[in-house]
Amino acid sequence: MNIFISGDAGFVGSHFRKFCSEAGHRVRGCDIKHNENVIDWFGTATGIDLFIHCAANVGGRLAIDKSPLWVAANLAIDQAAFDWVARTQT
């Protein structure tokens, strides 16, 4: 199975990546930690059987309170993910 994990270098995404890889699946991922923008990836993604969405800007409650644009950026990531799933029927 071809699996794509957004946010695959984060805490949750890295565990999903390890589990899926060890189960014998072909895993691709994208993470801002590797200077990759998942929103850009959604424009070109093909051949995915399962999509696991873990990408988000993190920083806890303080980040949400002090930087409301982080919330907006997370909503943009989610919208791009949902649009891609609807478009590709993945």
N, C-alpha and C. Protein backbone atom coordinates (compact mmCIF):
# COMPACT_ATOMS: atom_id res chain seq x y z
N MET A 1 0.83 -1.16 0.00
CA MET A 1 0.00 0.00 0.00
C MET A 1 0.88 1.24 0.00
N ASN A 2 0.50 2.25 -0.76
CA ASN A 2 1.20 3.53 -0.80
C ASN A 2 0.56 4.47 0.21
N ILE A 3 1.33 4.86 1.20
CA ILE A 3 0.83 5.70 2.28
C ILE A 3 1.57 7.03 2.26
N PHE A 4 0.81 8.11 2.41
CA PHE A 4 1.41 9.43 2.56
C PHE A 4 1.07 9.97 3.93
N ILE A 5 2.08 10.50 4.64
CA ILE A 5 1.89 11.06 5.96
C ILE A 5 2.34 12.51 5.95
N SER A 6 1.39 13.42 6.16
CA SER A 6 1.76 14.83 6.30
C SER A 6 2.26 15.02 7.73
N GLY A 7 3.32 15.81 7.87
CA GLY A 7 3.89 16.00 9.20
C GLY A 7 4.62 14.78 9.71
N ASP A 8 5.30 14.08 8.81
CA ASP A 8 5.91 12.79 9.17
C ASP A 8 7.16 12.89 10.04
N ALA A 9 7.66 14.10 10.28
CA ALA A 9 8.83 14.24 11.15
C ALA A 9 8.44 14.66 12.56
N GLY A 10 7.17 14.93 12.79
CA GLY A 10 6.70 15.30 14.12
C GLY A 10 6.52 14.08 15.00
N PHE A 11 6.09 14.31 16.22
CA PHE A 11 5.96 13.22 17.20
C PHE A 11 4.98 12.15 16.72
N VAL A 12 3.76 12.55 16.41
CA VAL A 12 2.75 11.57 15.99
C VAL A 12 3.07 11.01 14.61
N GLY A 13 3.40 11.89 13.66
CA GLY A 13 3.69 11.45 12.30
C GLY A 13 4.86 10.49 12.21
N SER A 14 5.91 10.72 13.00
CA SER A 14 7.08 9.83 12.95
C SER A 14 6.73 8.44 13.47
N HIS A 15 5.83 8.36 14.44
CA HIS A 15 5.41 7.05 14.93
C HIS A 15 4.55 6.33 13.89
N PHE A 16 3.67 7.07 13.22
CA PHE A 16 2.90 6.47 12.13
C PHE A 16 3.83 5.97 11.03
N ARG A 17 4.83 6.78 10.68
CA ARG A 17 5.77 6.41 9.62
C ARG A 17 6.50 5.11 9.98
N LYS A 18 7.00 5.03 11.20
CA LYS A 18 7.72 3.83 11.64
C LYS A 18 6.80 2.61 11.60
N PHE A 19 5.59 2.73 12.13
CA PHE A 19 4.65 1.62 12.17
C PHE A 19 4.31 1.14 10.77
N CYS A 20 4.00 2.07 9.87
CA CYS A 20 3.61 1.70 8.51
C CYS A 20 4.78 1.10 7.73
N SER A 21 5.97 1.66 7.92
CA SER A 21 7.15 1.12 7.24
C SER A 21 7.45 -0.30 7.72
N GLU A 22 7.39 -0.50 9.02
CA GLU A 22 7.66 -1.83 9.57
C GLU A 22 6.61 -2.85 9.15
N ALA A 23 5.41 -2.38 8.80
CA ALA A 23 4.35 -3.27 8.33
C ALA A 23 4.51 -3.59 6.85
N GLY A 24 5.54 -3.02 6.21
CA GLY A 24 5.84 -3.34 4.83
C GLY A 24 5.22 -2.42 3.79
N HIS A 25 4.67 -1.30 4.22
CA HIS A 25 4.06 -0.37 3.27
C HIS A 25 5.09 0.60 2.72
N ARG A 26 4.80 1.12 1.53
CA ARG A 26 5.63 2.16 0.93
C ARG A 26 5.13 3.48 1.51
N VAL A 27 6.00 4.20 2.23
CA VAL A 27 5.60 5.41 2.93
C VAL A 27 6.34 6.61 2.38
N ARG A 28 5.56 7.63 2.06
CA ARG A 28 6.12 8.93 1.68
C ARG A 28 5.61 9.94 2.69
N GLY A 29 6.35 11.00 2.86
CA GLY A 29 5.92 12.01 3.80
C GLY A 29 6.41 13.39 3.42
N CYS A 30 5.92 14.36 4.16
CA CYS A 30 6.28 15.75 3.94
C CYS A 30 6.24 16.44 5.29
N ASP A 31 7.24 17.26 5.58
CA ASP A 31 7.26 17.95 6.86
C ASP A 31 8.04 19.25 6.73
N ILE A 32 7.56 20.26 7.41
CA ILE A 32 8.22 21.57 7.39
C ILE A 32 9.64 21.48 7.97
N LYS A 33 9.89 20.48 8.82
CA LYS A 33 11.24 20.29 9.38
C LYS A 33 12.26 19.99 8.28
N HIS A 34 11.78 19.54 7.12
CA HIS A 34 12.67 19.24 5.99
C HIS A 34 12.50 20.29 4.89
N ASN A 35 12.03 21.48 5.29
CA ASN A 35 11.79 22.59 4.35
C ASN A 35 10.81 22.21 3.24
N GLU A 36 9.81 21.41 3.59
CA GLU A 36 8.78 21.00 2.64
C GLU A 36 7.45 21.60 3.09
N ASN A 37 6.69 22.10 2.14
CA ASN A 37 5.39 22.68 2.45
C ASN A 37 4.32 21.71 1.99
N VAL A 38 3.57 21.17 2.92
CA VAL A 38 2.57 20.16 2.60
C VAL A 38 1.49 20.73 1.68
N ILE A 39 1.17 22.00 1.81
CA ILE A 39 0.15 22.60 0.94
C ILE A 39 0.62 22.54 -0.51
N ASP A 40 1.90 22.78 -0.77
CA ASP A 40 2.43 22.66 -2.13
C ASP A 40 2.34 21.22 -2.62
N TRP A 41 2.58 20.27 -1.73
CA TRP A 41 2.56 18.86 -2.11
C TRP A 41 1.20 18.43 -2.61
N PHE A 42 0.14 18.96 -2.02
CA PHE A 42 -1.21 18.56 -2.41
C PHE A 42 -1.52 18.86 -3.86
N GLY A 43 -0.79 19.78 -4.48
CA GLY A 43 -1.03 20.10 -5.88
C GLY A 43 -0.52 19.04 -6.83
N THR A 44 0.39 18.18 -6.39
CA THR A 44 1.03 17.22 -7.29
C THR A 44 0.89 15.76 -6.87
N ALA A 45 0.27 15.49 -5.76
CA ALA A 45 0.21 14.14 -5.20
C ALA A 45 -0.64 13.20 -6.04
N THR A 46 -0.09 12.02 -6.31
CA THR A 46 -0.84 10.97 -7.02
C THR A 46 -0.41 9.61 -6.47
N GLY A 47 -1.23 8.60 -6.74
CA GLY A 47 -0.87 7.23 -6.40
C GLY A 47 -0.87 6.92 -4.92
N ILE A 48 -1.70 7.59 -4.15
CA ILE A 48 -1.76 7.38 -2.70
C ILE A 48 -2.98 6.53 -2.37
N ASP A 49 -2.77 5.45 -1.61
CA ASP A 49 -3.86 4.59 -1.17
C ASP A 49 -4.42 5.02 0.19
N LEU A 50 -3.55 5.53 1.05
CA LEU A 50 -3.96 5.95 2.38
C LEU A 50 -3.24 7.23 2.73
N PHE A 51 -3.98 8.20 3.23
CA PHE A 51 -3.43 9.50 3.63
C PHE A 51 -3.63 9.66 5.13
N ILE A 52 -2.53 9.92 5.84
CA ILE A 52 -2.59 10.16 7.28
C ILE A 52 -2.13 11.60 7.51
N HIS A 53 -3.04 12.42 8.02
CA HIS A 53 -2.79 13.85 8.15
C HIS A 53 -2.36 14.20 9.57
N CYS A 54 -1.08 14.56 9.73
CA CYS A 54 -0.54 14.93 11.04
C CYS A 54 0.10 16.31 11.03
N ALA A 55 0.10 16.98 9.89
CA ALA A 55 0.78 18.27 9.78
C ALA A 55 0.03 19.36 10.53
N ALA A 56 0.78 20.15 11.29
CA ALA A 56 0.22 21.30 11.99
C ALA A 56 1.36 22.13 12.57
N ASN A 57 1.10 23.40 12.71
CA ASN A 57 2.00 24.25 13.47
C ASN A 57 1.73 23.97 14.94
N VAL A 58 2.78 23.73 15.70
CA VAL A 58 2.60 23.39 17.11
C VAL A 58 3.25 24.44 18.00
N GLY A 59 2.86 24.46 19.23
CA GLY A 59 3.43 25.41 20.17
C GLY A 59 2.61 25.53 21.44
N GLY A 60 1.55 24.75 21.50
CA GLY A 60 0.75 24.73 22.71
C GLY A 60 -0.16 25.93 22.86
N ARG A 61 -0.76 26.03 24.01
CA ARG A 61 -1.74 27.08 24.31
C ARG A 61 -1.14 28.47 24.15
N LEU A 62 0.09 28.66 24.57
CA LEU A 62 0.73 29.97 24.48
C LEU A 62 0.80 30.44 23.03
N ALA A 63 1.16 29.54 22.14
CA ALA A 63 1.24 29.90 20.72
C ALA A 63 -0.13 30.30 20.18
N ILE A 64 -1.16 29.59 20.60
CA ILE A 64 -2.52 29.91 20.15
C ILE A 64 -2.93 31.28 20.66
N ASP A 65 -2.65 31.56 21.92
CA ASP A 65 -3.04 32.85 22.50
C ASP A 65 -2.24 34.02 21.94
N LYS A 66 -0.96 33.82 21.71
CA LYS A 66 -0.09 34.92 21.30
C LYS A 66 0.04 35.06 19.79
N SER A 67 -0.33 34.03 19.04
CA SER A 67 -0.17 34.07 17.59
C SER A 67 -1.38 33.45 16.90
N PRO A 68 -2.48 34.19 16.82
CA PRO A 68 -3.69 33.63 16.21
C PRO A 68 -3.50 33.25 14.75
N LEU A 69 -2.49 33.79 14.09
CA LEU A 69 -2.25 33.40 12.70
C LEU A 69 -1.81 31.95 12.60
N TRP A 70 -1.25 31.39 13.67
CA TRP A 70 -0.90 29.96 13.66
C TRP A 70 -2.16 29.13 13.49
N VAL A 71 -3.23 29.54 14.17
CA VAL A 71 -4.50 28.82 14.05
C VAL A 71 -4.98 28.90 12.61
N ALA A 72 -4.90 30.08 12.02
CA ALA A 72 -5.32 30.25 10.62
C ALA A 72 -4.45 29.40 9.69
N ALA A 73 -3.16 29.33 9.95
CA ALA A 73 -2.27 28.51 9.12
C ALA A 73 -2.63 27.04 9.24
N ASN A 74 -2.97 26.58 10.44
CA ASN A 74 -3.39 25.19 10.62
C ASN A 74 -4.69 24.91 9.88
N LEU A 75 -5.61 25.85 9.91
CA LEU A 75 -6.86 25.68 9.17
C LEU A 75 -6.60 25.63 7.67
N ALA A 76 -5.63 26.39 7.18
CA ALA A 76 -5.28 26.35 5.76
C ALA A 76 -4.69 24.99 5.38
N ILE A 77 -3.85 24.44 6.25
CA ILE A 77 -3.30 23.11 6.01
C ILE A 77 -4.42 22.07 5.96
N ASP A 78 -5.32 22.15 6.94
CA ASP A 78 -6.45 21.21 6.97
C ASP A 78 -7.33 21.34 5.73
N GLN A 79 -7.62 22.57 5.32
CA GLN A 79 -8.46 22.77 4.14
C GLN A 79 -7.80 22.19 2.90
N ALA A 80 -6.50 22.42 2.75
CA ALA A 80 -5.79 21.86 1.59
C ALA A 80 -5.84 20.33 1.62
N ALA A 81 -5.70 19.75 2.80
CA ALA A 81 -5.77 18.29 2.93
C ALA A 81 -7.15 17.78 2.55
N PHE A 82 -8.19 18.39 3.08
CA PHE A 82 -9.55 17.94 2.79
C PHE A 82 -9.91 18.14 1.32
N ASP A 83 -9.47 19.26 0.74
CA ASP A 83 -9.72 19.51 -0.68
C ASP A 83 -9.04 18.45 -1.54
N TRP A 84 -7.79 18.09 -1.18
CA TRP A 84 -7.06 17.08 -1.95
C TRP A 84 -7.75 15.73 -1.85
N VAL A 85 -8.19 15.35 -0.65
CA VAL A 85 -8.87 14.07 -0.48
C VAL A 85 -10.16 14.05 -1.29
N ALA A 86 -10.92 15.13 -1.25
CA ALA A 86 -12.17 15.19 -2.02
C ALA A 86 -11.91 15.13 -3.53
N ARG A 87 -10.86 15.81 -3.97
CA ARG A 87 -10.53 15.86 -5.39
C ARG A 87 -10.03 14.51 -5.91
N THR A 88 -9.21 13.84 -5.11
CA THR A 88 -8.60 12.58 -5.55
C THR A 88 -9.38 11.37 -5.08
N GLN A 89 -10.33 11.56 -4.19
CA GLN A 89 -11.13 10.49 -3.60
C GLN A 89 -10.25 9.44 -2.93
N THR A 90 -9.20 9.92 -2.28
CA THR A 90 -8.27 9.05 -1.55
C THR A 90 -8.85 8.67 -0.21
